[in-house]
Amino acid sequence: MKSKFWRNSVGLEPGDNWKRELSAGILSYFASVYIVMVNAAILHDAGMPLRAGMVATLLTAVAGCLLMAFGGKTPIIVVPGMGINAFFTYTLVHSMKLDWREALAVVVVTGVLFAIVAFTSLYRILSDAIPHNLQHAITVGIGLFLTFIGLQKSGIVIAHRTTFVAIGHFSNPAVITSCVTLILALVLFIRGTRGGLLISMLAGTGLAYLLGAAHVPEKTDSGHIFAGYGDVFAGMDWSRGISLVFWIAVFLLLLIVVFENIGLISSQTLMAGRPERFKSSLRALSIANIAAGLFGSSPVVAAAESTAGIAAGGRSGLTSLVTGLLFSATFLFIPLLAYVPDSAIAPILIVIGGLMVQSVREMDLSDLTELFPAFLIMVMIPFTYSIVDGMAFGFITYPIVKLAMGKGKEVPPALYGIAGLFVANFVLHALMG
């Protein structure tokens, strides 16, 4: 009886092999654990203490995986999303001038709205309101943006007056470390090596210290691993909760979170042979996004690395449960993670960015009224250093070119309203600036 209850609680079905589920969970962990340091580094760029960012990332991943294990009952791994964390730091904080605590409030509100969308039929309505070309263009644009950030962090590309130029100083130990780590990460990833990104990050860290490109971090937050985290947990700042900027941020973040996760969960549940668990997985993920804001992290996604565990035989929530438990054990290594330098992290951003650019294959570029709005999103996100501004160019252009060609009926009604919001955002910034 107990065995049957346990199997039902994580969605194990007759024919599922629990030993394969365990190994799939372990594989998923090693494929995705790199996110702990990478996400913390991006949160740190927003002003959050580095160690607190690691704790927030781990707590978010643990909670997300457990919610997916018992709520979604699928082998989907839930971690803070790459690309979305860039939106959190470089758009909400750097571009829209929100404090990171105010940005956490945006995450919580977004999570609540996402839950409303997931527990109703609104997710279909919202998804249908945005043309697929624009959805994929956002993913490609964020991928290029992540790549640009990775190139800057690595030192391969540096600021020079008003432009960015490729650095020629390959005698710089940090640049050497980044280049070697990037090549290693690409080789291991393309060969399908398990935990390839983690291995390359660790190898890059060792090389950085060997070449003198990294230094032992100061022990400013020594002691308990949760030292300093008290200011981050439930550290949302609601002082700008009634401002227009706040709600524009919520709306844009909601669009990105909903679009990305609907696509990811749909493909992953299908790959696992459990398409009927799409709704339960989406709902579990929406709750995990509320938890992300409370714990102090950027929003979560159904990790692309979930496919590694699914390919290894993961079919139920037992896989994500195992991964969640392993994330719990990672708390013991937080003091060591602070030793990983930017030169070992940056190449991972470049690889992830390259993977996101693959979405261009899903786009129909034969129609010029579809091509140019999507093109503007893809290039303006990295060139303006703002995901919001990049999206705005494409979303405003789309209805304009459609109307100009007499194709106004092809524009979903909701898209006119979204374009109007982007115009209002530009006007607001012009008046304030």
Foldseek 3Di string as FASTA:
>chain_A
DVVVVVCVQWVNDPPADLVLLLVLLVLLLLQPVLCLQLQLVLVVLLVADSLLSSQLQLVLQLLLLVLCRRQLFWLFGKGADQLLSLQLRLAVCVPLPDRLLQSLVLLLVLLVVLLVVLVDVVLVVLLVQDDPLQLLLLLLQSLVQLLVVLCDLQQQWHDDPPDIDGDPPCVQQSNVLLVVLLVQLVVCVVVVPRSSLVVSLVVSLVSCVVSVVFDQDDVPQDDDSCGPNVCQAQVHDCPCVPPLSSVVSSVVSSSNQSSQALVVLCVRCVLLVRNVSSSSSSNSQSVSSNSSSNSRGRGMHRDPSSVSSSVSRTRTSSSSNSSSVVSVVCSVCSSVSVSRGSSSNSSVSNVSSVVSSVSVVVHDCPDVLSNPLSVQLNPCCNVVSHNLVSSLSSLLSNCVVCVVVVNNVVNRPVSVVVNVSSVVVVVVVVVVD
